[in-house]
Amino acid sequence: MPPSFDSNPLNKSLVDSLKAKNQDASAVFVLTSYSAVQVMVDAMKATGGTDTDAMQAMMRTTTFNTPTGQLQFNDKGDLTDFEFVVYNFHADGSKTLAK
C-alpha cells in the first residue's frame, strides 16, 4: 500500500479541505488519485490541450510536486520511484507499520 500521505504536514490544507467536505483523506487511494489527476491537469496546462503524445513527452521530462511527493515518469510512462509500505490493521481501526 502507499504510505499515509494524509499525515504529511505539507498536505494539511488539502486534508483539511477534504475533511470539510466530509471526505476521508486517510483512505488508501485518495491522495494518490488526487496526485494522478494533478499530473494530468498539469500536463494539459503545460501542453495547451489534450494531445496525448505531447502530454506523454512532457510527463517524461518533468518532475511533478504532488501530495504524494515528487513524481517522475520513465520512457515507458511508469513512475521512476514510489514507496510502498505494509501495515498491520487493528480491531480499533488504527494501523501501524509492519516491521
N, C-alpha and C. Protein backbone atom coordinates (compact mmCIF):
# COMPACT_ATOMS: atom_id res chain seq x y z
N MET A 1 0.85 -1.18 0.00
CA MET A 1 0.00 0.00 0.00
C MET A 1 0.89 1.23 0.00
N PRO A 2 0.36 2.34 -0.46
CA PRO A 2 1.13 3.58 -0.33
C PRO A 2 1.15 4.03 1.12
N PRO A 3 2.15 4.84 1.49
CA PRO A 3 2.18 5.36 2.86
C PRO A 3 0.98 6.27 3.13
N SER A 4 0.82 6.67 4.37
CA SER A 4 -0.28 7.56 4.77
C SER A 4 0.10 9.01 4.49
N PHE A 5 -0.19 9.48 3.32
CA PHE A 5 0.19 10.84 2.93
C PHE A 5 -0.61 11.90 3.67
N ASP A 6 -1.73 11.52 4.27
CA ASP A 6 -2.56 12.49 4.98
C ASP A 6 -1.88 13.01 6.24
N SER A 7 -0.87 12.30 6.76
CA SER A 7 -0.17 12.74 7.96
C SER A 7 1.01 13.67 7.64
N ASN A 8 1.29 13.89 6.37
CA ASN A 8 2.37 14.78 5.96
C ASN A 8 1.92 16.23 6.18
N PRO A 9 2.68 17.01 6.98
CA PRO A 9 2.28 18.40 7.24
C PRO A 9 2.13 19.24 5.97
N LEU A 10 2.82 18.89 4.90
CA LEU A 10 2.70 19.63 3.64
C LEU A 10 1.31 19.48 3.03
N ASN A 11 0.57 18.46 3.44
CA ASN A 11 -0.77 18.20 2.89
C ASN A 11 -1.89 18.70 3.79
N LYS A 12 -1.54 19.43 4.85
CA LYS A 12 -2.54 19.83 5.83
C LYS A 12 -3.72 20.58 5.22
N SER A 13 -3.46 21.56 4.37
CA SER A 13 -4.58 22.34 3.82
C SER A 13 -5.47 21.48 2.93
N LEU A 14 -4.88 20.57 2.15
CA LEU A 14 -5.67 19.66 1.32
C LEU A 14 -6.48 18.71 2.19
N VAL A 15 -5.85 18.15 3.21
CA VAL A 15 -6.55 17.23 4.12
C VAL A 15 -7.69 17.96 4.82
N ASP A 16 -7.43 19.18 5.30
CA ASP A 16 -8.49 19.96 5.95
C ASP A 16 -9.64 20.25 4.99
N SER A 17 -9.31 20.54 3.74
CA SER A 17 -10.34 20.81 2.73
C SER A 17 -11.21 19.57 2.49
N LEU A 18 -10.57 18.42 2.41
CA LEU A 18 -11.33 17.17 2.22
C LEU A 18 -12.21 16.87 3.43
N LYS A 19 -11.65 17.06 4.62
CA LYS A 19 -12.43 16.82 5.84
C LYS A 19 -13.64 17.74 5.91
N ALA A 20 -13.48 18.99 5.48
CA ALA A 20 -14.58 19.95 5.50
C ALA A 20 -15.73 19.51 4.59
N LYS A 21 -15.41 18.66 3.62
CA LYS A 21 -16.43 18.12 2.71
C LYS A 21 -16.85 16.71 3.12
N ASN A 22 -16.52 16.34 4.36
CA ASN A 22 -16.83 15.02 4.90
C ASN A 22 -16.22 13.89 4.08
N GLN A 23 -15.04 14.15 3.53
CA GLN A 23 -14.30 13.13 2.78
C GLN A 23 -13.12 12.66 3.62
N ASP A 24 -12.79 11.40 3.51
CA ASP A 24 -11.74 10.79 4.32
C ASP A 24 -10.41 10.83 3.58
N ALA A 25 -9.56 11.78 3.95
CA ALA A 25 -8.25 11.91 3.30
C ALA A 25 -7.32 10.76 3.65
N SER A 26 -7.65 9.99 4.68
CA SER A 26 -6.78 8.88 5.08
C SER A 26 -7.08 7.60 4.31
N ALA A 27 -8.14 7.58 3.52
CA ALA A 27 -8.44 6.38 2.73
C ALA A 27 -7.27 6.09 1.80
N VAL A 28 -7.04 4.83 1.55
CA VAL A 28 -5.81 4.36 0.91
C VAL A 28 -5.45 5.10 -0.37
N PHE A 29 -6.39 5.28 -1.28
CA PHE A 29 -6.01 5.82 -2.58
C PHE A 29 -6.51 7.24 -2.85
N VAL A 30 -6.95 7.95 -1.81
CA VAL A 30 -7.47 9.31 -2.01
C VAL A 30 -6.37 10.25 -2.52
N LEU A 31 -5.27 10.35 -1.79
CA LEU A 31 -4.24 11.31 -2.19
C LEU A 31 -3.42 10.82 -3.37
N THR A 32 -3.32 9.51 -3.57
CA THR A 32 -2.63 9.03 -4.78
C THR A 32 -3.48 9.35 -6.01
N SER A 33 -4.78 9.21 -5.90
CA SER A 33 -5.67 9.57 -7.01
C SER A 33 -5.64 11.06 -7.27
N TYR A 34 -5.64 11.84 -6.21
CA TYR A 34 -5.55 13.30 -6.34
C TYR A 34 -4.27 13.66 -7.10
N SER A 35 -3.16 13.01 -6.74
CA SER A 35 -1.88 13.28 -7.40
C SER A 35 -1.93 12.91 -8.88
N ALA A 36 -2.56 11.79 -9.20
CA ALA A 36 -2.66 11.37 -10.60
C ALA A 36 -3.43 12.39 -11.42
N VAL A 37 -4.53 12.88 -10.88
CA VAL A 37 -5.32 13.90 -11.59
C VAL A 37 -4.52 15.19 -11.70
N GLN A 38 -3.80 15.55 -10.64
CA GLN A 38 -2.98 16.75 -10.68
C GLN A 38 -1.94 16.67 -11.80
N VAL A 39 -1.29 15.51 -11.96
CA VAL A 39 -0.30 15.33 -13.03
C VAL A 39 -0.96 15.53 -14.40
N MET A 40 -2.13 14.95 -14.59
CA MET A 40 -2.84 15.09 -15.87
C MET A 40 -3.20 16.55 -16.15
N VAL A 41 -3.71 17.24 -15.14
CA VAL A 41 -4.07 18.65 -15.31
C VAL A 41 -2.83 19.49 -15.61
N ASP A 42 -1.75 19.24 -14.87
CA ASP A 42 -0.51 19.98 -15.13
C ASP A 42 -0.01 19.74 -16.55
N ALA A 43 -0.10 18.49 -17.02
CA ALA A 43 0.35 18.16 -18.38
C ALA A 43 -0.54 18.85 -19.42
N MET A 44 -1.85 18.88 -19.19
CA MET A 44 -2.75 19.56 -20.13
C MET A 44 -2.46 21.05 -20.18
N LYS A 45 -2.23 21.66 -19.01
CA LYS A 45 -1.92 23.09 -18.98
C LYS A 45 -0.60 23.38 -19.68
N ALA A 46 0.40 22.55 -19.43
CA ALA A 46 1.73 22.78 -20.00
C ALA A 46 1.75 22.61 -21.51
N THR A 47 0.92 21.71 -22.02
CA THR A 47 0.92 21.44 -23.46
C THR A 47 -0.19 22.18 -24.20
N GLY A 48 -1.06 22.83 -23.45
CA GLY A 48 -2.12 23.61 -24.07
C GLY A 48 -3.27 22.79 -24.62
N GLY A 49 -3.46 21.59 -24.11
CA GLY A 49 -4.58 20.79 -24.60
C GLY A 49 -4.50 19.35 -24.15
N THR A 50 -5.12 18.48 -24.94
CA THR A 50 -5.20 17.06 -24.57
C THR A 50 -4.51 16.15 -25.58
N ASP A 51 -3.56 16.69 -26.33
CA ASP A 51 -2.80 15.87 -27.27
C ASP A 51 -1.96 14.89 -26.45
N THR A 52 -2.31 13.61 -26.51
CA THR A 52 -1.67 12.62 -25.64
C THR A 52 -0.19 12.46 -25.93
N ASP A 53 0.24 12.58 -27.18
CA ASP A 53 1.67 12.48 -27.48
C ASP A 53 2.44 13.61 -26.82
N ALA A 54 1.92 14.82 -26.91
CA ALA A 54 2.57 15.98 -26.29
C ALA A 54 2.58 15.84 -24.77
N MET A 55 1.45 15.38 -24.23
CA MET A 55 1.37 15.21 -22.78
C MET A 55 2.36 14.16 -22.30
N GLN A 56 2.45 13.04 -23.01
CA GLN A 56 3.38 11.98 -22.62
C GLN A 56 4.82 12.47 -22.67
N ALA A 57 5.17 13.19 -23.73
CA ALA A 57 6.53 13.71 -23.85
C ALA A 57 6.85 14.66 -22.69
N MET A 58 5.89 15.51 -22.36
CA MET A 58 6.08 16.45 -21.26
C MET A 58 6.22 15.71 -19.94
N MET A 59 5.38 14.70 -19.72
CA MET A 59 5.41 13.97 -18.46
C MET A 59 6.72 13.21 -18.26
N ARG A 60 7.35 12.79 -19.34
CA ARG A 60 8.61 12.04 -19.23
C ARG A 60 9.80 12.93 -18.90
N THR A 61 9.63 14.23 -19.01
CA THR A 61 10.75 15.16 -18.78
C THR A 61 10.48 16.13 -17.63
N THR A 62 9.45 15.87 -16.86
CA THR A 62 9.04 16.81 -15.82
C THR A 62 8.96 16.10 -14.47
N THR A 63 9.34 16.82 -13.43
CA THR A 63 9.13 16.36 -12.06
C THR A 63 7.90 17.09 -11.53
N PHE A 64 6.93 16.35 -11.04
CA PHE A 64 5.68 16.91 -10.54
C PHE A 64 5.70 16.91 -9.01
N ASN A 65 5.41 18.06 -8.42
CA ASN A 65 5.28 18.14 -6.97
C ASN A 65 3.83 17.90 -6.61
N THR A 66 3.57 16.80 -5.93
CA THR A 66 2.20 16.38 -5.63
C THR A 66 2.06 16.06 -4.15
N PRO A 67 0.84 15.83 -3.67
CA PRO A 67 0.65 15.43 -2.28
C PRO A 67 1.35 14.12 -1.92
N THR A 68 1.70 13.33 -2.91
CA THR A 68 2.40 12.07 -2.64
C THR A 68 3.90 12.20 -2.85
N GLY A 69 4.37 13.42 -3.02
CA GLY A 69 5.80 13.67 -3.21
C GLY A 69 6.11 14.03 -4.65
N GLN A 70 7.38 14.06 -4.95
CA GLN A 70 7.81 14.37 -6.31
C GLN A 70 7.65 13.12 -7.17
N LEU A 71 6.95 13.28 -8.29
CA LEU A 71 6.73 12.16 -9.20
C LEU A 71 7.44 12.41 -10.51
N GLN A 72 8.10 11.37 -11.01
CA GLN A 72 8.74 11.39 -12.33
C GLN A 72 8.36 10.11 -13.05
N PHE A 73 8.33 10.18 -14.37
CA PHE A 73 7.95 9.03 -15.18
C PHE A 73 9.09 8.68 -16.14
N ASN A 74 9.27 7.38 -16.40
CA ASN A 74 10.30 6.94 -17.33
C ASN A 74 9.76 6.91 -18.76
N ASP A 75 10.58 6.42 -19.68
CA ASP A 75 10.18 6.39 -21.09
C ASP A 75 8.96 5.51 -21.36
N LYS A 76 8.69 4.55 -20.47
CA LYS A 76 7.52 3.68 -20.63
C LYS A 76 6.28 4.28 -19.98
N GLY A 77 6.46 5.39 -19.25
CA GLY A 77 5.34 6.02 -18.58
C GLY A 77 5.12 5.52 -17.16
N ASP A 78 6.06 4.71 -16.66
CA ASP A 78 5.96 4.21 -15.29
C ASP A 78 6.63 5.18 -14.33
N LEU A 79 6.16 5.20 -13.09
CA LEU A 79 6.83 6.01 -12.07
C LEU A 79 8.26 5.52 -11.90
N THR A 80 9.19 6.46 -11.74
CA THR A 80 10.58 6.05 -11.56
C THR A 80 10.85 5.63 -10.12
N ASP A 81 10.04 6.10 -9.19
CA ASP A 81 10.24 5.76 -7.79
C ASP A 81 8.92 5.97 -7.05
N PHE A 82 8.55 5.01 -6.27
CA PHE A 82 7.35 5.17 -5.45
C PHE A 82 7.45 4.22 -4.27
N GLU A 83 7.16 4.73 -3.11
CA GLU A 83 7.29 3.95 -1.88
C GLU A 83 6.00 3.19 -1.58
N PHE A 84 6.16 1.93 -1.27
CA PHE A 84 5.04 1.12 -0.79
C PHE A 84 5.39 0.61 0.60
N VAL A 85 4.41 0.49 1.45
CA VAL A 85 4.62 0.02 2.81
C VAL A 85 3.60 -1.06 3.14
N VAL A 86 3.87 -1.78 4.22
CA VAL A 86 2.95 -2.81 4.70
C VAL A 86 2.48 -2.38 6.09
N TYR A 87 1.18 -2.44 6.30
CA TYR A 87 0.60 -2.06 7.58
C TYR A 87 0.01 -3.27 8.29
N ASN A 88 -0.02 -3.18 9.61
CA ASN A 88 -0.83 -4.08 10.43
C ASN A 88 -2.09 -3.29 10.78
N PHE A 89 -3.25 -3.86 10.48
CA PHE A 89 -4.51 -3.20 10.81
C PHE A 89 -5.05 -3.81 12.10
N HIS A 90 -5.58 -2.94 12.97
CA HIS A 90 -6.02 -3.36 14.29
C HIS A 90 -7.54 -3.27 14.42
N ALA A 91 -8.07 -3.99 15.39
CA ALA A 91 -9.52 -4.08 15.60
C ALA A 91 -10.16 -2.71 15.84
N ASP A 92 -9.39 -1.78 16.43
CA ASP A 92 -9.95 -0.45 16.70
C ASP A 92 -9.94 0.48 15.48
N GLY A 93 -9.51 -0.05 14.33
CA GLY A 93 -9.48 0.73 13.10
C GLY A 93 -8.16 1.43 12.84
N SER A 94 -7.25 1.37 13.78
CA SER A 94 -5.95 2.01 13.58
C SER A 94 -5.03 1.09 12.78
N LYS A 95 -3.90 1.64 12.38
CA LYS A 95 -2.91 0.84 11.66
C LYS A 95 -1.52 1.27 12.09
N THR A 96 -0.59 0.34 12.02
CA THR A 96 0.81 0.62 12.31
C THR A 96 1.65 -0.01 11.22
N LEU A 97 2.82 0.56 11.00
CA LEU A 97 3.73 -0.01 10.01
C LEU A 97 4.18 -1.39 10.46
N ALA A 98 4.15 -2.34 9.57
CA ALA A 98 4.65 -3.68 9.87
C ALA A 98 6.17 -3.63 9.91
N LYS A 99 6.72 -4.44 10.78
CA LYS A 99 8.19 -4.47 10.90
C LYS A 99 8.74 -5.76 10.38
